[in-house]
Amino acid sequence: MTYEYFPTGVCSRKMTIEIGEDGTILHAEVIGGCHGNLQGICRLVEGRDAASVIKTLEGIKCGNKGTSCPDQLSKALKNITSQKA
């Protein structure tokens, strides 16, 4: 299933994430933000278990912000996995 998430406190504006029935991230895309870095992050998380990605990315900060695009991706994944439960 494909989900949309609208991050807050960061430069990116929208995250689209496709999760398989087994909790594996099939596809991820981020609109806005640092395009090259976010493309790289999306490719790195594809094929991984959402729970593992949450643990890896949660709490990463960008500069003086209390969050970052990777942290927002972990929040998106938390929302998705809680909806599926």
PDB file of N, CA and C in Angstrom:
ATOM      1  N   MET A   1       0.836  -1.165   0.000  1.00  0.00           N
ATOM      2  CA  MET A   1       0.000   0.000   0.000  1.00  0.00           C
ATOM      3  C   MET A   1       0.890   1.239   0.000  1.00  0.00           C
ATOM      4  N   THR A   2       0.429   2.299  -0.641  1.00  0.00           N
ATOM      5  CA  THR A   2       1.181   3.541  -0.719  1.00  0.00           C
ATOM      6  C   THR A   2       0.586   4.575   0.231  1.00  0.00           C
ATOM      7  N   TYR A   3       1.464   5.255   0.951  1.00  0.00           N
ATOM      8  CA  TYR A   3       1.060   6.255   1.944  1.00  0.00           C
ATOM      9  C   TYR A   3       1.733   7.584   1.635  1.00  0.00           C
ATOM     10  N   GLU A   4       1.073   8.685   2.012  1.00  0.00           N
ATOM     11  CA  GLU A   4       1.653  10.012   1.897  1.00  0.00           C
ATOM     12  C   GLU A   4       1.817  10.593   3.290  1.00  0.00           C
ATOM     13  N   TYR A   5       2.916  11.321   3.487  1.00  0.00           N
ATOM     14  CA  TYR A   5       3.193  11.960   4.764  1.00  0.00           C
ATOM     15  C   TYR A   5       3.694  13.358   4.460  1.00  0.00           C
ATOM     16  N   PHE A   6       3.232  14.333   5.236  1.00  0.00           N
ATOM     17  CA  PHE A   6       3.633  15.718   5.055  1.00  0.00           C
ATOM     18  C   PHE A   6       4.483  16.142   6.250  1.00  0.00           C
ATOM     19  N   PRO A   7       5.812  16.150   6.071  1.00  0.00           N
ATOM     20  CA  PRO A   7       6.728  16.430   7.171  1.00  0.00           C
ATOM     21  C   PRO A   7       6.608  17.868   7.686  1.00  0.00           C
ATOM     22  N   THR A   8       7.015  18.066   8.929  1.00  0.00           N
ATOM     23  CA  THR A   8       7.023  19.399   9.534  1.00  0.00           C
ATOM     24  C   THR A   8       8.409  19.715  10.073  1.00  0.00           C
ATOM     25  N   GLY A   9       8.762  20.989  10.036  1.00  0.00           N
ATOM     26  CA  GLY A   9      10.024  21.441  10.606  1.00  0.00           C
ATOM     27  C   GLY A   9      11.240  21.190   9.745  1.00  0.00           C
ATOM     28  N   VAL A  10      11.027  20.788   8.484  1.00  0.00           N
ATOM     29  CA  VAL A  10      12.143  20.501   7.571  1.00  0.00           C
ATOM     30  C   VAL A  10      11.850  21.108   6.196  1.00  0.00           C
ATOM     31  N   CYS A  11      12.807  21.039   5.311  1.00  0.00           N
ATOM     32  CA  CYS A  11      12.656  21.600   3.971  1.00  0.00           C
ATOM     33  C   CYS A  11      11.780  20.739   3.058  1.00  0.00           C
ATOM     34  N   SER A  12      11.786  19.440   3.264  1.00  0.00           N
ATOM     35  CA  SER A  12      10.973  18.576   2.400  1.00  0.00           C
ATOM     36  C   SER A  12       9.493  18.834   2.671  1.00  0.00           C
ATOM     37  N   ARG A  13       8.672  18.637   1.629  1.00  0.00           N
ATOM     38  CA  ARG A  13       7.252  18.964   1.710  1.00  0.00           C
ATOM     39  C   ARG A  13       6.340  17.746   1.719  1.00  0.00           C
ATOM     40  N   LYS A  14       6.802  16.644   1.125  1.00  0.00           N
ATOM     41  CA  LYS A  14       5.932  15.477   1.017  1.00  0.00           C
ATOM     42  C   LYS A  14       6.780  14.215   0.885  1.00  0.00           C
ATOM     43  N   MET A  15       6.322  13.149   1.551  1.00  0.00           N
ATOM     44  CA  MET A  15       6.972  11.847   1.450  1.00  0.00           C
ATOM     45  C   MET A  15       5.931  10.843   0.990  1.00  0.00           C
ATOM     46  N   THR A  16       6.281  10.068  -0.016  1.00  0.00           N
ATOM     47  CA  THR A  16       5.417   8.997  -0.501  1.00  0.00           C
ATOM     48  C   THR A  16       6.153   7.688  -0.265  1.00  0.00           C
ATOM     49  N   ILE A  17       5.490   6.782   0.457  1.00  0.00           N
ATOM     50  CA  ILE A  17       6.139   5.544   0.863  1.00  0.00           C
ATOM     51  C   ILE A  17       5.226   4.368   0.560  1.00  0.00           C
ATOM     52  N   GLU A  18       5.783   3.363  -0.103  1.00  0.00           N
ATOM     53  CA  GLU A  18       5.038   2.132  -0.378  1.00  0.00           C
ATOM     54  C   GLU A  18       5.605   1.030   0.511  1.00  0.00           C
ATOM     55  N   ILE A  19       4.715   0.407   1.283  1.00  0.00           N
ATOM     56  CA  ILE A  19       5.100  -0.644   2.224  1.00  0.00           C
ATOM     57  C   ILE A  19       4.421  -1.951   1.822  1.00  0.00           C
ATOM     58  N   GLY A  20       5.183  -3.034   1.813  1.00  0.00           N
ATOM     59  CA  GLY A  20       4.624  -4.349   1.525  1.00  0.00           C
ATOM     60  C   GLY A  20       3.905  -4.917   2.736  1.00  0.00           C
ATOM     61  N   GLU A  21       3.173  -5.970   2.523  1.00  0.00           N
ATOM     62  CA  GLU A  21       2.420  -6.629   3.612  1.00  0.00           C
ATOM     63  C   GLU A  21       3.336  -7.108   4.734  1.00  0.00           C
ATOM     64  N   ASP A  22       4.579  -7.428   4.387  1.00  0.00           N
ATOM     65  CA  ASP A  22       5.528  -7.933   5.387  1.00  0.00           C
ATOM     66  C   ASP A  22       6.284  -6.826   6.123  1.00  0.00           C
ATOM     67  N   GLY A  23       5.934  -5.542   5.848  1.00  0.00           N
ATOM     68  CA  GLY A  23       6.591  -4.423   6.509  1.00  0.00           C
ATOM     69  C   GLY A  23       7.836  -3.924   5.810  1.00  0.00           C
ATOM     70  N   THR A  24       8.113  -4.451   4.633  1.00  0.00           N
ATOM     71  CA  THR A  24       9.280  -4.022   3.862  1.00  0.00           C
ATOM     72  C   THR A  24       8.941  -2.766   3.063  1.00  0.00           C
ATOM     73  N   ILE A  25       9.870  -1.828   3.036  1.00  0.00           N
ATOM     74  CA  ILE A  25       9.696  -0.604   2.249  1.00  0.00           C
ATOM     75  C   ILE A  25       9.983  -0.952   0.797  1.00  0.00           C
ATOM     76  N   LEU A  26       8.957  -0.850  -0.035  1.00  0.00           N
ATOM     77  CA  LEU A  26       9.111  -1.177  -1.453  1.00  0.00           C
ATOM     78  C   LEU A  26       9.602   0.019  -2.258  1.00  0.00           C
ATOM     79  N   HIS A  27       9.152   1.224  -1.875  1.00  0.00           N
ATOM     80  CA  HIS A  27       9.547   2.435  -2.597  1.00  0.00           C
ATOM     81  C   HIS A  27       9.375   3.628  -1.666  1.00  0.00           C
ATOM     82  N   ALA A  28      10.265   4.592  -1.777  1.00  0.00           N
ATOM     83  CA  ALA A  28      10.167   5.833  -1.009  1.00  0.00           C
ATOM     84  C   ALA A  28      10.580   6.987  -1.909  1.00  0.00           C
ATOM     85  N   GLU A  29       9.873   8.108  -1.762  1.00  0.00           N
ATOM     86  CA  GLU A  29      10.184   9.311  -2.535  1.00  0.00           C
ATOM     87  C   GLU A  29       9.915  10.517  -1.652  1.00  0.00           C
ATOM     88  N   VAL A  30      10.821  11.512  -1.736  1.00  0.00           N
ATOM     89  CA  VAL A  30      10.667  12.736  -0.961  1.00  0.00           C
ATOM     90  C   VAL A  30      10.678  13.920  -1.926  1.00  0.00           C
ATOM     91  N   ILE A  31       9.696  14.803  -1.758  1.00  0.00           N
ATOM     92  CA  ILE A  31       9.601  16.016  -2.571  1.00  0.00           C
ATOM     93  C   ILE A  31      10.099  17.190  -1.743  1.00  0.00           C
ATOM     94  N   GLY A  32      10.993  17.975  -2.305  1.00  0.00           N
ATOM     95  CA  GLY A  32      11.579  19.107  -1.598  1.00  0.00           C
ATOM     96  C   GLY A  32      12.808  18.651  -0.826  1.00  0.00           C
ATOM     97  N   GLY A  33      13.465  19.593  -0.191  1.00  0.00           N
ATOM     98  CA  GLY A  33      14.659  19.260   0.585  1.00  0.00           C
ATOM     99  C   GLY A  33      15.888  19.094  -0.296  1.00  0.00           C
ATOM    100  N   CYS A  34      16.907  18.487   0.238  1.00  0.00           N
ATOM    101  CA  CYS A  34      18.177  18.269  -0.458  1.00  0.00           C
ATOM    102  C   CYS A  34      18.025  17.060  -1.378  1.00  0.00           C
ATOM    103  N   HIS A  35      17.727  17.323  -2.619  1.00  0.00           N
ATOM    104  CA  HIS A  35      17.305  16.289  -3.557  1.00  0.00           C
ATOM    105  C   HIS A  35      18.267  15.099  -3.646  1.00  0.00           C
ATOM    106  N   GLY A  36      19.531  15.358  -3.833  1.00  0.00           N
ATOM    107  CA  GLY A  36      20.495  14.259  -3.973  1.00  0.00           C
ATOM    108  C   GLY A  36      20.584  13.405  -2.716  1.00  0.00           C
ATOM    109  N   ASN A  37      20.678  14.064  -1.568  1.00  0.00           N
ATOM    110  CA  ASN A  37      20.756  13.319  -0.304  1.00  0.00           C
ATOM    111  C   ASN A  37      19.506  12.494  -0.074  1.00  0.00           C
ATOM    112  N   LEU A  38      18.346  13.071  -0.334  1.00  0.00           N
ATOM    113  CA  LEU A  38      17.095  12.361  -0.087  1.00  0.00           C
ATOM    114  C   LEU A  38      16.883  11.221  -1.073  1.00  0.00           C
ATOM    115  N   GLN A  39      17.353  11.377  -2.308  1.00  0.00           N
ATOM    116  CA  GLN A  39      17.297  10.257  -3.252  1.00  0.00           C
ATOM    117  C   GLN A  39      18.141   9.108  -2.719  1.00  0.00           C
ATOM    118  N   GLY A  40      19.317   9.435  -2.199  1.00  0.00           N
ATOM    119  CA  GLY A  40      20.202   8.414  -1.646  1.00  0.00           C
ATOM    120  C   GLY A  40      19.574   7.710  -0.459  1.00  0.00           C
ATOM    121  N   ILE A  41      18.973   8.475   0.449  1.00  0.00           N
ATOM    122  CA  ILE A  41      18.320   7.873   1.616  1.00  0.00           C
ATOM    123  C   ILE A  41      17.196   6.954   1.167  1.00  0.00           C
ATOM    124  N   CYS A  42      16.393   7.411   0.207  1.00  0.00           N
ATOM    125  CA  CYS A  42      15.281   6.584  -0.275  1.00  0.00           C
ATOM    126  C   CYS A  42      15.780   5.268  -0.869  1.00  0.00           C
ATOM    127  N   ARG A  43      16.830   5.323  -1.633  1.00  0.00           N
ATOM    128  CA  ARG A  43      17.373   4.083  -2.208  1.00  0.00           C
ATOM    129  C   ARG A  43      17.927   3.155  -1.135  1.00  0.00           C
ATOM    130  N   LEU A  44      18.509   3.740  -0.102  1.00  0.00           N
ATOM    131  CA  LEU A  44      19.078   2.927   0.980  1.00  0.00           C
ATOM    132  C   LEU A  44      17.998   2.242   1.816  1.00  0.00           C
ATOM    133  N   VAL A  45      16.839   2.871   1.968  1.00  0.00           N
ATOM    134  CA  VAL A  45      15.792   2.263   2.809  1.00  0.00           C
ATOM    135  C   VAL A  45      14.944   1.262   2.039  1.00  0.00           C
ATOM    136  N   GLU A  46      14.895   1.377   0.718  1.00  0.00           N
ATOM    137  CA  GLU A  46      14.090   0.443  -0.071  1.00  0.00           C
ATOM    138  C   GLU A  46      14.616  -0.980   0.106  1.00  0.00           C
ATOM    139  N   GLY A  47      13.694  -1.900   0.363  1.00  0.00           N
ATOM    140  CA  GLY A  47      14.063  -3.297   0.591  1.00  0.00           C
ATOM    141  C   GLY A  47      14.320  -3.626   2.050  1.00  0.00           C
ATOM    142  N   ARG A  48      14.340  -2.608   2.906  1.00  0.00           N
ATOM    143  CA  ARG A  48      14.577  -2.825   4.344  1.00  0.00           C
ATOM    144  C   ARG A  48      13.262  -2.869   5.101  1.00  0.00           C
ATOM    145  N   ASP A  49      13.297  -3.493   6.242  1.00  0.00           N
ATOM    146  CA  ASP A  49      12.154  -3.565   7.140  1.00  0.00           C
ATOM    147  C   ASP A  49      11.913  -2.186   7.759  1.00  0.00           C
ATOM    148  N   ALA A  50      10.654  -1.736   7.772  1.00  0.00           N
ATOM    149  CA  ALA A  50      10.311  -0.412   8.292  1.00  0.00           C
ATOM    150  C   ALA A  50      10.774  -0.229   9.731  1.00  0.00           C
ATOM    151  N   ALA A  51      10.616  -1.243  10.575  1.00  0.00           N
ATOM    152  CA  ALA A  51      11.017  -1.138  11.984  1.00  0.00           C
ATOM    153  C   ALA A  51      12.517  -0.882  12.115  1.00  0.00           C
ATOM    154  N   SER A  52      13.295  -1.519  11.276  1.00  0.00           N
ATOM    155  CA  SER A  52      14.743  -1.333  11.293  1.00  0.00           C
ATOM    156  C   SER A  52      15.115   0.092  10.856  1.00  0.00           C
ATOM    157  N   VAL A  53      14.434   0.596   9.845  1.00  0.00           N
ATOM    158  CA  VAL A  53      14.700   1.948   9.349  1.00  0.00           C
ATOM    159  C   VAL A  53      14.316   2.975  10.411  1.00  0.00           C
ATOM    160  N   ILE A  54      13.204   2.754  11.098  1.00  0.00           N
ATOM    161  CA  ILE A  54      12.796   3.667  12.172  1.00  0.00           C
ATOM    162  C   ILE A  54      13.910   3.771  13.208  1.00  0.00           C
ATOM    163  N   LYS A  55      14.440   2.631  13.653  1.00  0.00           N
ATOM    164  CA  LYS A  55      15.508   2.624  14.654  1.00  0.00           C
ATOM    165  C   LYS A  55      16.753   3.352  14.167  1.00  0.00           C
ATOM    166  N   THR A  56      17.046   3.217  12.887  1.00  0.00           N
ATOM    167  CA  THR A  56      18.249   3.827  12.321  1.00  0.00           C
ATOM    168  C   THR A  56      18.119   5.344  12.185  1.00  0.00           C
ATOM    169  N   LEU A  57      16.962   5.832  11.761  1.00  0.00           N
ATOM    170  CA  LEU A  57      16.807   7.248  11.419  1.00  0.00           C
ATOM    171  C   LEU A  57      16.224   8.120  12.526  1.00  0.00           C
ATOM    172  N   GLU A  58      15.537   7.511  13.468  1.00  0.00           N
ATOM    173  CA  GLU A  58      14.860   8.270  14.520  1.00  0.00           C
ATOM    174  C   GLU A  58      15.843   9.117  15.327  1.00  0.00           C
ATOM    175  N   GLY A  59      15.488  10.392  15.513  1.00  0.00           N
ATOM    176  CA  GLY A  59      16.280  11.284  16.359  1.00  0.00           C
ATOM    177  C   GLY A  59      17.386  12.045  15.658  1.00  0.00           C
ATOM    178  N   ILE A  60      17.613  11.812  14.370  1.00  0.00           N
ATOM    179  CA  ILE A  60      18.642  12.564  13.639  1.00  0.00           C
ATOM    180  C   ILE A  60      18.167  14.009  13.506  1.00  0.00           C
ATOM    181  N   LYS A  61      19.061  14.946  13.782  1.00  0.00           N
ATOM    182  CA  LYS A  61      18.715  16.365  13.707  1.00  0.00           C
ATOM    183  C   LYS A  61      19.473  17.036  12.571  1.00  0.00           C
ATOM    184  N   CYS A  62      18.904  18.108  12.036  1.00  0.00           N
ATOM    185  CA  CYS A  62      19.519  18.897  10.962  1.00  0.00           C
ATOM    186  C   CYS A  62      19.813  20.288  11.521  1.00  0.00           C
ATOM    187  N   GLY A  63      21.077  20.594  11.701  1.00  0.00           N
ATOM    188  CA  GLY A  63      21.450  21.903  12.239  1.00  0.00           C
ATOM    189  C   GLY A  63      20.802  22.153  13.585  1.00  0.00           C
ATOM    190  N   ASN A  64      20.200  23.327  13.743  1.00  0.00           N
ATOM    191  CA  ASN A  64      19.542  23.709  14.999  1.00  0.00           C
ATOM    192  C   ASN A  64      18.103  23.230  15.083  1.00  0.00           C
ATOM    193  N   LYS A  65      17.634  22.556  14.036  1.00  0.00           N
ATOM    194  CA  LYS A  65      16.258  22.063  14.038  1.00  0.00           C
ATOM    195  C   LYS A  65      16.156  20.887  15.000  1.00  0.00           C
ATOM    196  N   GLY A  66      14.988  20.679  15.533  1.00  0.00           N
ATOM    197  CA  GLY A  66      14.780  19.544  16.430  1.00  0.00           C
ATOM    198  C   GLY A  66      14.501  18.256  15.690  1.00  0.00           C
ATOM    199  N   THR A  67      14.580  18.299  14.368  1.00  0.00           N
ATOM    200  CA  THR A  67      14.265  17.152  13.524  1.00  0.00           C
ATOM    201  C   THR A  67      15.093  17.237  12.253  1.00  0.00           C
ATOM    202  N   SER A  68      14.866  16.314  11.342  1.00  0.00           N
ATOM    203  CA  SER A  68      15.541  16.301  10.040  1.00  0.00           C
ATOM    204  C   SER A  68      14.659  15.515   9.081  1.00  0.00           C
ATOM    205  N   CYS A  69      15.010  15.513   7.813  1.00  0.00           N
ATOM    206  CA  CYS A  69      14.241  14.710   6.852  1.00  0.00           C
ATOM    207  C   CYS A  69      14.311  13.215   7.202  1.00  0.00           C
ATOM    208  N   PRO A  70      15.488  12.668   7.571  1.00  0.00           N
ATOM    209  CA  PRO A  70      15.507  11.267   7.982  1.00  0.00           C
ATOM    210  C   PRO A  70      14.640  11.009   9.222  1.00  0.00           C
ATOM    211  N   ASP A  71      14.663  11.920  10.191  1.00  0.00           N
ATOM    212  CA  ASP A  71      13.825  11.775  11.379  1.00  0.00           C
ATOM    213  C   ASP A  71      12.344  11.829  10.999  1.00  0.00           C
ATOM    214  N   GLN A  72      11.991  12.713  10.081  1.00  0.00           N
ATOM    215  CA  GLN A  72      10.606  12.801   9.625  1.00  0.00           C
ATOM    216  C   GLN A  72      10.200  11.527   8.880  1.00  0.00           C
ATOM    217  N   LEU A  73      11.133  10.928   8.152  1.00  0.00           N
ATOM    218  CA  LEU A  73      10.843   9.653   7.494  1.00  0.00           C
ATOM    219  C   LEU A  73      10.556   8.580   8.543  1.00  0.00           C
ATOM    220  N   SER A  74      11.300   8.591   9.648  1.00  0.00           N
ATOM    221  CA  SER A  74      11.028   7.616  10.718  1.00  0.00           C
ATOM    222  C   SER A  74       9.647   7.863  11.313  1.00  0.00           C
ATOM    223  N   LYS A  75       9.243   9.121  11.454  1.00  0.00           N
ATOM    224  CA  LYS A  75       7.909   9.440  11.974  1.00  0.00           C
ATOM    225  C   LYS A  75       6.833   8.964  11.002  1.00  0.00           C
ATOM    226  N   ALA A  76       7.078   9.154   9.708  1.00  0.00           N
ATOM    227  CA  ALA A  76       6.128   8.677   8.697  1.00  0.00           C
ATOM    228  C   ALA A  76       5.964   7.167   8.800  1.00  0.00           C
ATOM    229  N   LEU A  77       7.068   6.461   8.926  1.00  0.00           N
ATOM    230  CA  LEU A  77       7.027   5.004   9.023  1.00  0.00           C
ATOM    231  C   LEU A  77       6.316   4.549  10.297  1.00  0.00           C
ATOM    232  N   LYS A  78       6.520   5.276  11.394  1.00  0.00           N
ATOM    233  CA  LYS A  78       5.804   4.954  12.635  1.00  0.00           C
ATOM    234  C   LYS A  78       4.296   5.095  12.430  1.00  0.00           C
ATOM    235  N   ASN A  79       3.889   6.192  11.773  1.00  0.00           N
ATOM    236  CA  ASN A  79       2.463   6.400  11.505  1.00  0.00           C
ATOM    237  C   ASN A  79       1.914   5.275  10.637  1.00  0.00           C
ATOM    238  N   ILE A  80       2.642   4.912   9.619  1.00  0.00           N
ATOM    239  CA  ILE A  80       2.187   3.859   8.704  1.00  0.00           C
ATOM    240  C   ILE A  80       2.061   2.531   9.431  1.00  0.00           C
ATOM    241  N   THR A  81       3.079   2.163  10.180  1.00  0.00           N
ATOM    242  CA  THR A  81       3.055   0.857  10.846  1.00  0.00           C
ATOM    243  C   THR A  81       1.979   0.811  11.938  1.00  0.00           C
ATOM    244  N   SER A  82       1.686   1.949  12.566  1.00  0.00           N
ATOM    245  CA  SER A  82       0.623   1.952  13.578  1.00  0.00           C
ATOM    246  C   SER A  82      -0.757   1.833  12.919  1.00  0.00           C
ATOM    247  N   GLN A  83      -0.911   2.350  11.699  1.00  0.00           N
ATOM    248  CA  GLN A  83      -2.170   2.226  10.952  1.00  0.00           C
ATOM    249  C   GLN A  83      -2.402   0.791  10.520  1.00  0.00           C
ATOM    250  N   LYS A  84      -1.304   0.086  10.203  1.00  0.00           N
ATOM    251  CA  LYS A  84      -1.411  -1.287   9.714  1.00  0.00           C
ATOM    252  C   LYS A  84      -1.704  -2.272  10.833  1.00  0.00           C
ATOM    253  N   ALA A  85      -1.408  -1.877  12.063  1.00  0.00           N
ATOM    254  CA  ALA A  85      -1.566  -2.801  13.207  1.00  0.00           C
ATOM    255  C   ALA A  85      -3.024  -3.059  13.541  1.00  0.00           C
TER     256      ALA A  85
END
